[in-house]
Amino acid sequence: MPGYDESQPELIGIAGRLPDDVEVMLRMSDGQTRTIGLGENAGEWRLDSAQADRAVFSAGGRQIILTLGPLP
């Protein structure tokens, strides 16, 4: 997949009150699950913002937008 970085987490959930009191659930590249809030880090990635279906992260001058997949 072009542009994919193996250190990127996978977004598995978003909870809380948007836009300021939000937490995201991530599966890290090592398989561990983490929950973080705005401005917190998961590995090298810092959570910058979140919406109902996506979260924006930054690390080392790079930015990624992770989205939740369609619900079953």
N, C-alpha and C. Protein backbone atom coordinates (compact mmCIF):
# COMPACT_ATOMS: atom_id res chain seq x y z
N MET A 1 0.85 -1.17 0.00
CA MET A 1 0.00 0.00 0.00
C MET A 1 0.89 1.24 0.00
N PRO A 2 0.79 2.11 -0.97
CA PRO A 2 1.64 3.29 -1.04
C PRO A 2 1.45 4.21 0.16
N GLY A 3 2.57 4.70 0.71
CA GLY A 3 2.50 5.62 1.83
C GLY A 3 2.27 4.96 3.17
N TYR A 4 2.10 3.65 3.20
CA TYR A 4 1.85 2.98 4.46
C TYR A 4 3.15 2.87 5.25
N ASP A 5 3.07 3.13 6.54
CA ASP A 5 4.21 3.07 7.44
C ASP A 5 3.86 2.02 8.49
N GLU A 6 4.68 0.99 8.63
CA GLU A 6 4.38 -0.10 9.56
C GLU A 6 4.28 0.35 11.01
N SER A 7 4.83 1.54 11.35
CA SER A 7 4.72 2.02 12.72
C SER A 7 3.37 2.66 13.00
N GLN A 8 2.57 2.88 11.95
CA GLN A 8 1.25 3.50 12.13
C GLN A 8 0.35 2.60 12.94
N PRO A 9 -0.39 3.18 13.89
CA PRO A 9 -1.39 2.39 14.60
C PRO A 9 -2.62 2.18 13.73
N GLU A 10 -3.47 1.26 14.15
CA GLU A 10 -4.76 1.03 13.49
C GLU A 10 -5.84 1.60 14.39
N LEU A 11 -6.72 2.40 13.87
CA LEU A 11 -7.81 2.99 14.65
C LEU A 11 -8.91 1.94 14.80
N ILE A 12 -9.24 1.60 16.06
CA ILE A 12 -10.27 0.58 16.28
C ILE A 12 -11.49 1.11 17.02
N GLY A 13 -11.44 2.36 17.51
CA GLY A 13 -12.61 2.92 18.15
C GLY A 13 -12.42 4.36 18.57
N ILE A 14 -13.53 5.08 18.72
CA ILE A 14 -13.53 6.46 19.18
C ILE A 14 -14.66 6.60 20.19
N ALA A 15 -14.37 7.21 21.34
CA ALA A 15 -15.38 7.37 22.38
C ALA A 15 -15.25 8.74 23.02
N GLY A 16 -16.30 9.18 23.67
CA GLY A 16 -16.26 10.44 24.39
C GLY A 16 -17.08 11.51 23.70
N ARG A 17 -16.91 12.72 24.18
CA ARG A 17 -17.65 13.87 23.65
C ARG A 17 -16.76 14.65 22.70
N LEU A 18 -17.16 14.70 21.46
CA LEU A 18 -16.38 15.42 20.45
C LEU A 18 -16.62 16.91 20.58
N PRO A 19 -15.71 17.75 20.30
CA PRO A 19 -14.37 17.46 19.79
C PRO A 19 -13.31 17.42 20.88
N ASP A 20 -13.62 17.86 22.11
CA ASP A 20 -12.56 18.05 23.10
C ASP A 20 -12.36 16.92 24.10
N ASP A 21 -13.40 16.20 24.45
CA ASP A 21 -13.29 15.16 25.46
C ASP A 21 -13.42 13.80 24.78
N VAL A 22 -12.41 13.48 23.99
CA VAL A 22 -12.47 12.28 23.17
C VAL A 22 -11.28 11.39 23.46
N GLU A 23 -11.50 10.10 23.34
CA GLU A 23 -10.42 9.11 23.44
C GLU A 23 -10.52 8.21 22.23
N VAL A 24 -9.37 7.79 21.76
CA VAL A 24 -9.35 6.85 20.64
C VAL A 24 -8.67 5.56 21.10
N MET A 25 -9.17 4.45 20.57
CA MET A 25 -8.60 3.14 20.83
C MET A 25 -7.81 2.71 19.61
N LEU A 26 -6.58 2.30 19.87
CA LEU A 26 -5.65 1.96 18.79
C LEU A 26 -5.08 0.57 18.98
N ARG A 27 -4.79 -0.08 17.87
CA ARG A 27 -3.99 -1.30 17.88
C ARG A 27 -2.64 -0.89 17.33
N MET A 28 -1.62 -1.04 18.16
CA MET A 28 -0.28 -0.63 17.78
C MET A 28 0.37 -1.68 16.89
N SER A 29 1.47 -1.30 16.25
CA SER A 29 2.15 -2.21 15.31
C SER A 29 2.65 -3.49 15.99
N ASP A 30 2.84 -3.43 17.34
CA ASP A 30 3.28 -4.63 18.06
C ASP A 30 2.11 -5.48 18.54
N GLY A 31 0.86 -5.08 18.17
CA GLY A 31 -0.32 -5.84 18.53
C GLY A 31 -0.99 -5.39 19.82
N GLN A 32 -0.34 -4.53 20.60
CA GLN A 32 -0.94 -4.06 21.84
C GLN A 32 -2.04 -3.05 21.54
N THR A 33 -3.03 -2.98 22.43
CA THR A 33 -4.11 -2.02 22.31
C THR A 33 -3.87 -0.88 23.29
N ARG A 34 -4.07 0.36 22.83
CA ARG A 34 -3.86 1.56 23.66
C ARG A 34 -5.07 2.46 23.52
N THR A 35 -5.36 3.21 24.57
CA THR A 35 -6.39 4.25 24.53
C THR A 35 -5.71 5.56 24.92
N ILE A 36 -5.89 6.58 24.08
CA ILE A 36 -5.26 7.88 24.35
C ILE A 36 -6.25 9.01 24.10
N GLY A 37 -5.97 10.16 24.72
CA GLY A 37 -6.77 11.36 24.53
C GLY A 37 -6.02 12.38 23.69
N LEU A 38 -6.69 13.49 23.41
CA LEU A 38 -6.09 14.55 22.60
C LEU A 38 -4.77 15.02 23.20
N GLY A 39 -3.76 15.19 22.35
CA GLY A 39 -2.45 15.65 22.78
C GLY A 39 -1.56 14.57 23.36
N GLU A 40 -2.09 13.36 23.55
CA GLU A 40 -1.29 12.26 24.10
C GLU A 40 -0.66 11.46 22.96
N ASN A 41 0.39 10.72 23.32
CA ASN A 41 1.13 9.93 22.35
C ASN A 41 0.84 8.45 22.51
N ALA A 42 0.89 7.77 21.38
CA ALA A 42 0.89 6.31 21.32
C ALA A 42 2.10 5.97 20.47
N GLY A 43 3.16 5.53 21.12
CA GLY A 43 4.41 5.37 20.40
C GLY A 43 4.88 6.75 19.97
N GLU A 44 5.28 6.87 18.73
CA GLU A 44 5.73 8.17 18.23
C GLU A 44 4.57 9.07 17.79
N TRP A 45 3.37 8.53 17.68
CA TRP A 45 2.24 9.27 17.11
C TRP A 45 1.46 10.03 18.18
N ARG A 46 1.23 11.35 17.94
CA ARG A 46 0.45 12.20 18.85
C ARG A 46 -0.93 12.43 18.24
N LEU A 47 -1.96 12.27 19.07
CA LEU A 47 -3.33 12.50 18.62
C LEU A 47 -3.60 14.00 18.59
N ASP A 48 -3.83 14.53 17.40
CA ASP A 48 -4.07 15.97 17.21
C ASP A 48 -5.54 16.33 17.22
N SER A 49 -6.38 15.49 16.62
CA SER A 49 -7.81 15.77 16.60
C SER A 49 -8.56 14.49 16.26
N ALA A 50 -9.88 14.51 16.53
CA ALA A 50 -10.71 13.35 16.21
C ALA A 50 -12.11 13.81 15.85
N GLN A 51 -12.73 13.05 14.97
CA GLN A 51 -14.12 13.23 14.59
C GLN A 51 -14.81 11.90 14.82
N ALA A 52 -16.07 11.80 14.45
CA ALA A 52 -16.83 10.58 14.71
C ALA A 52 -16.25 9.34 14.01
N ASP A 53 -15.58 9.53 12.87
CA ASP A 53 -15.10 8.39 12.10
C ASP A 53 -13.62 8.44 11.74
N ARG A 54 -12.89 9.42 12.30
CA ARG A 54 -11.47 9.55 11.93
C ARG A 54 -10.68 10.24 13.03
N ALA A 55 -9.38 10.03 13.00
CA ALA A 55 -8.46 10.68 13.94
C ALA A 55 -7.22 11.12 13.19
N VAL A 56 -6.70 12.29 13.57
CA VAL A 56 -5.52 12.86 12.93
C VAL A 56 -4.35 12.77 13.89
N PHE A 57 -3.23 12.23 13.42
CA PHE A 57 -2.03 12.04 14.22
C PHE A 57 -0.85 12.71 13.54
N SER A 58 0.16 13.07 14.35
CA SER A 58 1.40 13.60 13.79
C SER A 58 2.59 12.98 14.50
N ALA A 59 3.69 12.93 13.76
CA ALA A 59 4.95 12.41 14.30
C ALA A 59 6.09 12.84 13.38
N GLY A 60 7.10 13.47 13.94
CA GLY A 60 8.29 13.82 13.17
C GLY A 60 8.01 14.59 11.91
N GLY A 61 7.09 15.54 11.95
CA GLY A 61 6.78 16.33 10.77
C GLY A 61 5.83 15.66 9.79
N ARG A 62 5.40 14.45 10.08
CA ARG A 62 4.45 13.73 9.22
C ARG A 62 3.06 13.79 9.85
N GLN A 63 2.04 13.68 9.05
CA GLN A 63 0.67 13.64 9.54
C GLN A 63 -0.06 12.49 8.87
N ILE A 64 -0.87 11.78 9.64
CA ILE A 64 -1.70 10.71 9.07
C ILE A 64 -3.13 10.91 9.56
N ILE A 65 -4.06 10.48 8.74
CA ILE A 65 -5.47 10.46 9.10
C ILE A 65 -5.91 9.01 9.06
N LEU A 66 -6.34 8.50 10.21
CA LEU A 66 -6.81 7.13 10.29
C LEU A 66 -8.33 7.16 10.36
N THR A 67 -8.97 6.27 9.63
CA THR A 67 -10.43 6.22 9.62
C THR A 67 -10.93 4.88 10.11
N LEU A 68 -12.14 4.91 10.66
CA LEU A 68 -12.80 3.67 11.04
C LEU A 68 -13.44 3.06 9.81
N GLY A 69 -13.41 1.76 9.73
CA GLY A 69 -14.04 1.09 8.61
C GLY A 69 -15.55 1.09 8.76
N PRO A 70 -16.25 0.63 7.74
CA PRO A 70 -17.71 0.59 7.82
C PRO A 70 -18.16 -0.39 8.90
N LEU A 71 -19.23 -0.04 9.58
CA LEU A 71 -19.78 -0.90 10.62
C LEU A 71 -20.50 -2.07 9.96
N PRO A 72 -20.41 -3.27 10.60
CA PRO A 72 -21.07 -4.44 10.00
C PRO A 72 -22.59 -4.33 10.02
